[in-house]
Amino acid sequence: MTGPRSCARSATSSRATSRSSTCPRSADGYGSTPPCPLPPAGRRDGSGPRASRPSVLSSGAMSIPARQLSFEQDLPRALAALRAEIAKAVVGQQSTVTELLAAYIAGGHVLLEGVPGVAKTLLAKSLARCLDLSFTRVQFTPDLMPADILGTSIWRPHEQTFKLAKGPVFTEVLLADEINRTPPKTQAALLEAMEERQVTIDGQAHPLGRHFFVIATQNPLELEGTYPLPEAQTDRFLMKIRIGYPEAADEAEILRRAHAGFDGHDLQAAGVGKVLERDQAIALRQAALSVKVEESLFAYVASLCRATRQSPRVRIGASPRAGIALLLSAKAVAALEAKPFVTPDDVKAVARPVLRHRLTLKSEAEIEGLTVEDAVGQILDEVEVPR
């Protein structure tokens, strides 16, 4: 061996995650501070190890995994409880919550776009807590490296071998905060994780959990110091959800809660608890998969995607993967409404969040002031709806 690999960079460096704990310097031959070990199995959002608290629905109609969620009894109750629990932390934003839940149920990832201070991080943390999933926030910065996300192999002198120091990607809900502030090379570190639910480090594949869910945020206004996401990256997101300012009544309620001492950093004190057991969350996805789709809906979704590619205003249209995303999202929305079948209205409801980041307009259309939202709306109006 020509010499051990450098272990100077820790996969869990303080700039990569929001953890505040530090590790003491080791005297086992590293010559520098070794990487901090992962916290105990559970959360990485500062709330400590996952407690064995019962779920809101642990003693009700559900008995998962003995059986699947039923549309008639379990599913409406589970979804109502999820919405109510998230509302303890996030005021309003009902459409955003619905789209986020639909993306999770459909097994996809979300690009969350909104100005600072509209509860993007709080929403992600609340969802993770309600589903009893581990949560990690990574602040994407210009100097962030792929190893800061994935992890790296560290030389262990006493064992004469390399061991993997796992990065923050080894979690269940990953918040990639301000993802467009890091260079494309680092952004690309998430490609395999999002598509395959695994990461490859030093030629060895490491699986991620079946709950793995990426919520990336970006600010639509700040252009300085940002890097546009490549098309291959944006296509990995099932939806691009835009979160706006709250309604007047909701904003007043936010102020009342702040006056009463609400602290978004302590969800336990805020009363936000586990709604579903981990197996129940998987059963929720299985229930969405069981939603029926009429033959005419397959042709309708395909026609929408083909129309984006044939539009004279669109330079890059929706791919077959976009059609799959549109169908799965429509099934998830139908499940959220406890419907056993998909309707054209379900497809229309998710068309904008599914397609808005996948279409690229021609320059002449942009000069005319046309937006992607306008283009999607026109296509929805033009394509015949099945009867």
Protein backbone atom coordinates (compact mmCIF):
# COMPACT_ATOMS: atom_id res chain seq x y z
CA MET A 1 0.00 0.00 0.00
CA THR A 2 1.36 3.39 -0.96
CA GLY A 3 -0.14 5.11 2.04
CA PRO A 4 -3.47 5.70 3.70
CA ARG A 5 -6.04 7.89 2.09
CA SER A 6 -6.41 11.36 3.49
CA CYS A 7 -8.97 11.60 6.25
CA ALA A 8 -8.88 15.35 6.67
CA ARG A 9 -12.38 15.93 5.40
CA SER A 10 -15.19 14.73 7.63
CA ALA A 11 -18.37 13.63 5.96
CA THR A 12 -20.33 15.23 8.75
CA SER A 13 -18.56 18.58 8.88
CA SER A 14 -20.30 21.39 10.67
CA ARG A 15 -20.79 23.34 7.48
CA ALA A 16 -22.70 20.44 5.94
CA THR A 17 -25.22 19.83 8.70
CA SER A 18 -26.94 21.85 11.36
CA ARG A 19 -25.65 19.72 14.22
CA SER A 20 -23.99 21.76 16.95
CA SER A 21 -22.18 18.99 18.80
CA THR A 22 -18.43 18.58 18.44
CA CYS A 23 -16.16 15.59 18.96
CA PRO A 24 -13.01 15.67 21.12
CA ARG A 25 -9.63 15.19 19.51
CA SER A 26 -8.62 11.55 19.37
CA ALA A 27 -5.25 10.17 20.34
CA ASP A 28 -5.40 7.05 18.22
CA GLY A 29 -3.11 8.24 15.49
CA TYR A 30 -5.39 10.39 13.33
CA GLY A 31 -3.23 13.44 13.80
CA SER A 32 -6.39 15.55 13.54
CA THR A 33 -9.91 15.55 14.85
CA PRO A 34 -11.70 12.40 13.62
CA PRO A 35 -15.14 12.64 12.09
CA CYS A 36 -18.01 12.89 14.52
CA PRO A 37 -19.97 9.65 14.77
CA LEU A 38 -23.59 9.61 13.78
CA PRO A 39 -26.02 10.16 16.64
CA PRO A 40 -27.99 7.21 17.94
CA ALA A 41 -30.51 5.74 15.57
CA GLY A 42 -33.25 8.31 15.38
CA ARG A 43 -33.35 12.00 14.63
CA ARG A 44 -30.63 14.40 13.63
CA ASP A 45 -32.70 17.55 13.98
CA GLY A 46 -31.71 18.30 17.54
CA SER A 47 -34.60 16.52 19.18
CA GLY A 48 -32.55 13.53 20.31
CA PRO A 49 -33.06 9.82 19.68
CA ARG A 50 -36.42 8.68 18.43
CA ALA A 51 -38.67 8.09 21.39
CA SER A 52 -40.88 5.03 21.56
CA ARG A 53 -43.99 7.16 21.94
CA PRO A 54 -47.27 5.74 20.59
CA SER A 55 -48.68 7.19 17.40
CA VAL A 56 -51.88 9.18 17.28
CA LEU A 57 -53.49 6.25 15.49
CA SER A 58 -51.81 3.39 17.34
CA SER A 59 -54.98 2.31 19.11
CA GLY A 60 -57.57 3.02 16.44
CA ALA A 61 -58.88 1.26 13.38
CA MET A 62 -55.43 0.59 11.95
CA SER A 63 -53.59 -2.66 12.39
CA ILE A 64 -50.59 -2.32 10.09
CA PRO A 65 -48.78 -4.30 8.77
CA ALA A 66 -51.35 -7.04 9.36
CA ARG A 67 -53.46 -5.45 6.62
CA GLN A 68 -53.36 -2.50 4.25
CA LEU A 69 -55.04 0.82 4.87
CA SER A 70 -58.63 0.77 3.66
CA PHE A 71 -60.16 3.69 1.81
CA GLU A 72 -63.39 3.47 3.78
CA GLN A 73 -61.97 3.70 7.32
CA ASP A 74 -58.24 4.04 7.81
CA LEU A 75 -57.07 6.30 5.00
CA PRO A 76 -59.34 9.32 5.63
CA ARG A 77 -58.60 9.14 9.35
CA ALA A 78 -54.85 8.89 8.82
CA LEU A 79 -54.71 11.82 6.39
CA ALA A 80 -56.94 14.00 8.55
CA ALA A 81 -54.69 13.30 11.53
CA LEU A 82 -51.57 14.15 9.49
CA ARG A 83 -53.02 17.48 8.37
CA ALA A 84 -54.14 18.35 11.89
CA GLU A 85 -50.77 17.50 13.41
CA ILE A 86 -48.79 19.49 10.82
CA ALA A 87 -51.16 22.42 11.40
CA LYS A 88 -49.95 22.59 15.01
CA ALA A 89 -46.69 23.95 13.61
CA VAL A 90 -47.47 25.28 10.13
CA VAL A 91 -50.39 27.69 9.89
CA GLY A 92 -52.35 27.62 6.64
CA GLN A 93 -50.53 26.62 3.42
CA GLN A 94 -53.09 23.87 2.87
CA SER A 95 -52.36 23.43 -0.84
CA THR A 96 -48.64 23.18 -0.12
CA VAL A 97 -49.23 20.57 2.58
CA THR A 98 -51.45 18.58 0.22
CA GLU A 99 -48.86 18.61 -2.57
CA LEU A 100 -46.06 17.68 -0.17
CA LEU A 101 -48.06 14.75 1.20
CA ALA A 102 -48.92 13.67 -2.34
CA ALA A 103 -45.25 13.69 -3.32
CA TYR A 104 -44.30 11.56 -0.31
CA ILE A 105 -47.14 9.12 -0.92
CA ALA A 106 -46.14 8.86 -4.59
CA GLY A 107 -42.57 8.04 -3.54
CA GLY A 108 -41.01 11.11 -5.16
CA HIS A 109 -38.93 14.09 -4.08
CA VAL A 110 -39.83 17.78 -3.84
CA LEU A 111 -38.22 21.05 -4.89
CA LEU A 112 -39.77 23.66 -2.59
CA GLU A 113 -39.52 27.22 -3.86
CA GLY A 114 -40.36 30.24 -1.75
CA VAL A 115 -38.98 33.39 -0.19
CA PRO A 116 -37.24 33.15 3.20
CA GLY A 117 -39.45 32.94 6.25
CA VAL A 118 -42.49 31.09 4.88
CA ALA A 119 -41.95 27.89 6.95
CA LYS A 120 -40.22 25.68 4.38
CA THR A 121 -37.87 24.12 6.96
CA LEU A 122 -40.60 23.94 9.59
CA LEU A 123 -42.88 22.11 7.18
CA ALA A 124 -40.19 19.53 6.37
CA LYS A 125 -39.39 18.94 10.05
CA SER A 126 -43.06 18.62 10.95
CA LEU A 127 -43.70 16.04 8.24
CA ALA A 128 -40.71 13.97 9.37
CA ARG A 129 -41.87 14.05 12.98
CA CYS A 130 -45.45 13.10 12.11
CA LEU A 131 -44.18 10.09 10.14
CA ASP A 132 -41.59 9.19 12.82
CA LEU A 133 -38.73 9.54 10.32
CA SER A 134 -35.18 10.72 10.95
CA PHE A 135 -34.50 14.24 9.66
CA THR A 136 -31.30 15.95 8.55
CA ARG A 137 -30.84 19.47 7.26
CA VAL A 138 -27.88 20.25 5.01
CA GLN A 139 -27.06 23.88 4.28
CA PHE A 140 -25.83 23.98 0.69
CA THR A 141 -22.98 26.48 0.36
CA PRO A 142 -20.50 27.32 -2.43
CA ASP A 143 -17.69 25.37 -0.71
CA LEU A 144 -19.75 22.23 -0.01
CA MET A 145 -18.16 19.11 -1.49
CA PRO A 146 -19.80 15.80 -2.54
CA ALA A 147 -18.08 14.00 0.36
CA ASP A 148 -19.74 16.42 2.78
CA ILE A 149 -23.08 14.95 1.67
CA LEU A 150 -22.31 11.33 0.89
CA GLY A 151 -19.52 10.53 3.32
CA THR A 152 -16.00 9.22 2.82
CA SER A 153 -13.78 6.28 3.71
CA ILE A 154 -11.57 6.92 6.74
CA TRP A 155 -8.35 5.04 7.47
CA ARG A 156 -8.39 3.24 10.83
CA PRO A 157 -4.72 2.70 11.79
CA HIS A 158 -5.40 0.24 14.61
CA GLU A 159 -7.56 -1.92 12.35
CA GLN A 160 -5.45 -1.38 9.21
CA THR A 161 -8.55 -0.84 7.12
CA PHE A 162 -10.84 1.83 5.74
CA LYS A 163 -14.25 2.37 7.29
CA LEU A 164 -17.09 4.44 5.94
CA ALA A 165 -17.95 7.65 7.76
CA LYS A 166 -21.51 8.13 6.58
CA GLY A 167 -22.59 11.57 5.45
CA PRO A 168 -25.91 13.30 6.15
CA VAL A 169 -27.52 11.66 3.10
CA PHE A 170 -27.92 8.55 5.27
CA THR A 171 -31.20 9.72 6.73
CA GLU A 172 -34.88 9.43 5.84
CA VAL A 173 -36.02 13.02 5.28
CA LEU A 174 -33.18 15.11 3.86
CA LEU A 175 -33.68 18.87 3.68
CA ALA A 176 -31.29 20.25 1.05
CA ASP A 177 -31.52 23.88 2.06
CA GLU A 178 -30.81 26.43 -0.70
CA ILE A 179 -29.64 23.70 -3.05
CA ASN A 180 -28.86 26.17 -5.82
CA ARG A 181 -26.10 27.84 -3.78
CA THR A 182 -23.69 24.97 -4.33
CA PRO A 183 -21.86 24.15 -7.60
CA PRO A 184 -23.32 21.60 -10.05
CA LYS A 185 -20.70 18.98 -9.12
CA THR A 186 -21.98 18.91 -5.55
CA GLN A 187 -25.61 19.11 -6.64
CA ALA A 188 -24.99 16.02 -8.75
CA ALA A 189 -24.01 14.07 -5.63
CA LEU A 190 -27.73 13.62 -4.97
CA LEU A 191 -28.59 12.25 -8.43
CA GLU A 192 -27.99 8.59 -7.63
CA ALA A 193 -29.51 8.90 -4.16
CA MET A 194 -32.72 10.40 -5.52
CA GLU A 195 -33.09 8.01 -8.45
CA GLU A 196 -31.80 4.71 -7.05
CA ARG A 197 -32.13 5.29 -3.28
CA GLN A 198 -28.50 4.34 -2.88
CA VAL A 199 -25.11 6.06 -3.01
CA THR A 200 -21.83 4.76 -4.37
CA ILE A 201 -18.71 5.60 -2.37
CA ASP A 202 -15.30 4.31 -3.48
CA GLY A 203 -16.99 1.91 -5.89
CA GLN A 204 -19.26 0.34 -3.28
CA ALA A 205 -23.02 0.82 -3.30
CA HIS A 206 -24.72 1.69 0.00
CA PRO A 207 -28.53 1.46 0.10
CA LEU A 208 -30.68 4.17 1.61
CA GLY A 209 -33.95 3.44 3.36
CA ARG A 210 -37.22 2.98 1.55
CA HIS A 211 -38.51 6.11 3.32
CA PHE A 212 -35.73 8.27 1.79
CA PHE A 213 -37.33 11.59 0.83
CA VAL A 214 -35.50 14.70 -0.39
CA ILE A 215 -37.00 18.15 0.14
CA ALA A 216 -34.80 20.74 -1.55
CA THR A 217 -35.43 24.45 -1.13
CA GLN A 218 -34.48 27.41 -3.24
CA ASN A 219 -35.22 31.12 -3.26
CA PRO A 220 -36.87 32.36 -6.46
CA LEU A 221 -35.58 35.92 -6.10
CA GLU A 222 -31.90 35.69 -5.22
CA LEU A 223 -29.77 35.18 -8.32
CA GLU A 224 -26.38 36.36 -7.08
CA GLY A 225 -24.24 33.52 -5.80
CA THR A 226 -26.54 30.80 -7.11
CA TYR A 227 -26.09 28.02 -9.64
CA PRO A 228 -29.02 26.91 -11.81
CA LEU A 229 -29.98 23.29 -11.31
CA PRO A 230 -29.13 21.14 -14.36
CA GLU A 231 -32.02 19.52 -16.20
CA ALA A 232 -30.95 16.05 -15.07
CA GLN A 233 -31.21 17.22 -11.45
CA THR A 234 -34.57 18.97 -11.71
CA ASP A 235 -36.05 15.95 -13.50
CA ARG A 236 -35.36 13.86 -10.38
CA PHE A 237 -37.87 15.95 -8.43
CA LEU A 238 -41.41 14.64 -8.68
CA MET A 239 -42.81 18.10 -8.00
CA LYS A 240 -41.74 21.70 -7.80
CA ILE A 241 -43.96 23.24 -5.16
CA ARG A 242 -44.24 26.99 -4.77
CA ILE A 243 -45.00 28.21 -1.27
CA GLY A 244 -46.21 31.78 -0.98
CA TYR A 245 -47.04 34.22 1.76
CA PRO A 246 -49.82 33.21 4.19
CA GLU A 247 -53.33 34.60 4.05
CA ALA A 248 -54.13 37.57 6.30
CA ALA A 249 -55.95 35.48 8.91
CA ASP A 250 -53.17 32.88 8.92
CA GLU A 251 -50.51 35.55 9.36
CA ALA A 252 -52.39 36.96 12.35
CA GLU A 253 -52.53 33.45 13.85
CA ILE A 254 -48.77 33.09 13.35
CA LEU A 255 -48.27 36.28 15.34
CA ARG A 256 -50.60 35.07 18.10
CA ARG A 257 -48.63 31.83 18.39
CA ALA A 258 -45.33 33.69 18.46
CA HIS A 259 -46.69 35.95 21.20
CA ALA A 260 -47.72 32.85 23.17
CA GLY A 261 -44.17 31.46 22.94
CA PHE A 262 -44.30 29.06 20.00
CA ASP A 263 -40.81 27.81 19.11
CA GLY A 264 -40.41 26.14 15.73
CA HIS A 265 -37.12 24.63 16.88
CA ASP A 266 -38.88 22.55 19.56
CA LEU A 267 -41.70 20.65 17.91
CA GLN A 268 -42.14 18.42 20.93
CA ALA A 269 -42.99 21.43 23.08
CA ALA A 270 -45.32 22.61 20.33
CA GLY A 271 -47.24 19.36 20.68
CA VAL A 272 -46.37 17.94 17.26
CA GLY A 273 -46.26 14.17 17.63
CA LYS A 274 -46.07 10.95 15.69
CA VAL A 275 -49.19 10.23 13.68
CA LEU A 276 -48.24 7.04 11.87
CA GLU A 277 -46.01 4.13 12.71
CA ARG A 278 -43.24 3.57 10.20
CA ASP A 279 -44.95 0.54 8.65
CA GLN A 280 -48.17 2.52 8.45
CA ALA A 281 -46.42 5.18 6.39
CA ILE A 282 -45.37 2.51 3.91
CA ALA A 283 -48.92 1.16 3.90
CA LEU A 284 -50.09 4.68 3.03
CA ARG A 285 -48.01 4.47 -0.15
CA GLN A 286 -49.37 1.01 -0.90
CA ALA A 287 -52.90 2.35 -0.58
CA ALA A 288 -52.11 5.01 -3.19
CA LEU A 289 -50.74 2.36 -5.54
CA SER A 290 -54.06 0.52 -5.34
CA VAL A 291 -55.98 3.50 -6.76
CA LYS A 292 -57.58 2.44 -10.05
CA VAL A 293 -56.90 4.18 -13.37
CA GLU A 294 -59.27 3.93 -16.33
CA GLU A 295 -57.74 3.19 -19.73
CA SER A 296 -58.78 6.62 -21.02
CA LEU A 297 -56.64 8.29 -18.31
CA PHE A 298 -53.46 6.66 -19.63
CA ALA A 299 -54.16 8.16 -23.05
CA TYR A 300 -54.99 11.53 -21.46
CA VAL A 301 -51.71 11.74 -19.54
CA ALA A 302 -49.77 10.67 -22.64
CA SER A 303 -51.57 13.30 -24.72
CA LEU A 304 -50.67 16.03 -22.23
CA CYS A 305 -46.99 15.09 -22.35
CA ARG A 306 -46.97 14.86 -26.15
CA ALA A 307 -48.69 18.24 -26.37
CA THR A 308 -45.84 19.85 -24.43
CA ARG A 309 -43.35 18.48 -26.96
CA GLN A 310 -45.43 19.61 -29.93
CA SER A 311 -46.20 23.08 -28.61
CA PRO A 312 -44.67 25.88 -30.71
CA ARG A 313 -43.94 27.77 -27.49
CA VAL A 314 -41.97 25.00 -25.74
CA ARG A 315 -38.35 24.15 -26.54
CA ILE A 316 -38.02 21.14 -24.19
CA GLY A 317 -41.19 19.26 -23.35
CA ALA A 318 -42.19 16.58 -20.88
CA SER A 319 -40.39 13.24 -21.10
CA PRO A 320 -41.95 9.81 -20.51
CA ARG A 321 -40.61 10.07 -16.95
CA ALA A 322 -42.69 13.22 -16.54
CA GLY A 323 -45.74 11.25 -17.65
CA ILE A 324 -45.06 8.62 -15.00
CA ALA A 325 -44.66 11.38 -12.41
CA LEU A 326 -47.95 12.92 -13.52
CA LEU A 327 -49.79 9.61 -13.21
CA LEU A 328 -48.32 8.68 -9.81
CA SER A 329 -49.02 12.16 -8.44
CA ALA A 330 -52.62 12.01 -9.65
CA LYS A 331 -53.05 8.64 -7.91
CA ALA A 332 -51.62 10.12 -4.71
CA VAL A 333 -54.03 13.08 -4.87
CA ALA A 334 -56.93 10.69 -5.40
CA ALA A 335 -55.77 8.71 -2.37
CA LEU A 336 -55.58 11.91 -0.31
CA GLU A 337 -59.25 12.44 -1.09
CA ALA A 338 -60.00 8.78 -0.30
CA LYS A 339 -61.13 8.11 -3.87
CA PRO A 340 -60.61 4.58 -5.23
CA PHE A 341 -60.05 5.85 -8.78
CA VAL A 342 -58.30 8.71 -10.61
CA THR A 343 -60.27 11.41 -12.41
CA PRO A 344 -59.09 13.95 -15.01
CA ASP A 345 -59.41 16.62 -12.32
CA ASP A 346 -56.76 14.80 -10.27
CA VAL A 347 -54.41 14.94 -13.25
CA LYS A 348 -55.10 18.64 -13.75
CA ALA A 349 -54.54 19.33 -10.05
CA VAL A 350 -50.95 18.09 -10.19
CA ALA A 351 -50.06 19.15 -13.74
CA ARG A 352 -48.43 22.43 -12.74
CA PRO A 353 -46.27 21.21 -9.83
CA VAL A 354 -45.21 18.16 -11.86
CA LEU A 355 -44.47 19.96 -15.15
CA ARG A 356 -43.38 23.49 -14.22
CA HIS A 357 -39.72 22.52 -13.68
CA ARG A 358 -39.58 20.13 -16.63
CA LEU A 359 -40.55 22.49 -19.46
CA THR A 360 -38.27 25.02 -21.12
CA LEU A 361 -39.82 27.76 -23.23
CA LYS A 362 -38.49 29.04 -26.52
CA SER A 363 -36.78 32.41 -26.33
CA GLU A 364 -39.45 34.11 -28.46
CA ALA A 365 -42.15 32.90 -26.06
CA GLU A 366 -40.22 34.33 -23.11
CA ILE A 367 -39.80 37.64 -24.94
CA GLU A 368 -43.57 37.75 -25.35
CA GLY A 369 -43.87 37.39 -21.57
CA LEU A 370 -45.19 33.83 -21.59
CA THR A 371 -44.41 31.76 -18.49
CA VAL A 372 -44.25 28.01 -18.02
CA GLU A 373 -47.40 28.28 -15.92
CA ASP A 374 -49.16 29.90 -18.89
CA ALA A 375 -47.91 27.20 -21.25
CA VAL A 376 -49.13 24.39 -18.99
CA GLY A 377 -52.49 26.11 -18.61
CA GLN A 378 -52.89 26.46 -22.37
CA ILE A 379 -52.04 22.80 -22.90
CA LEU A 380 -54.56 21.73 -20.26
CA ASP A 381 -57.19 23.79 -22.10
CA GLU A 382 -56.27 22.41 -25.52
CA VAL A 383 -56.04 18.68 -24.79
CA GLU A 384 -59.39 16.94 -24.88
CA VAL A 385 -60.52 15.59 -21.52
CA PRO A 386 -61.82 12.00 -21.53
CA ARG A 387 -65.50 11.57 -20.75
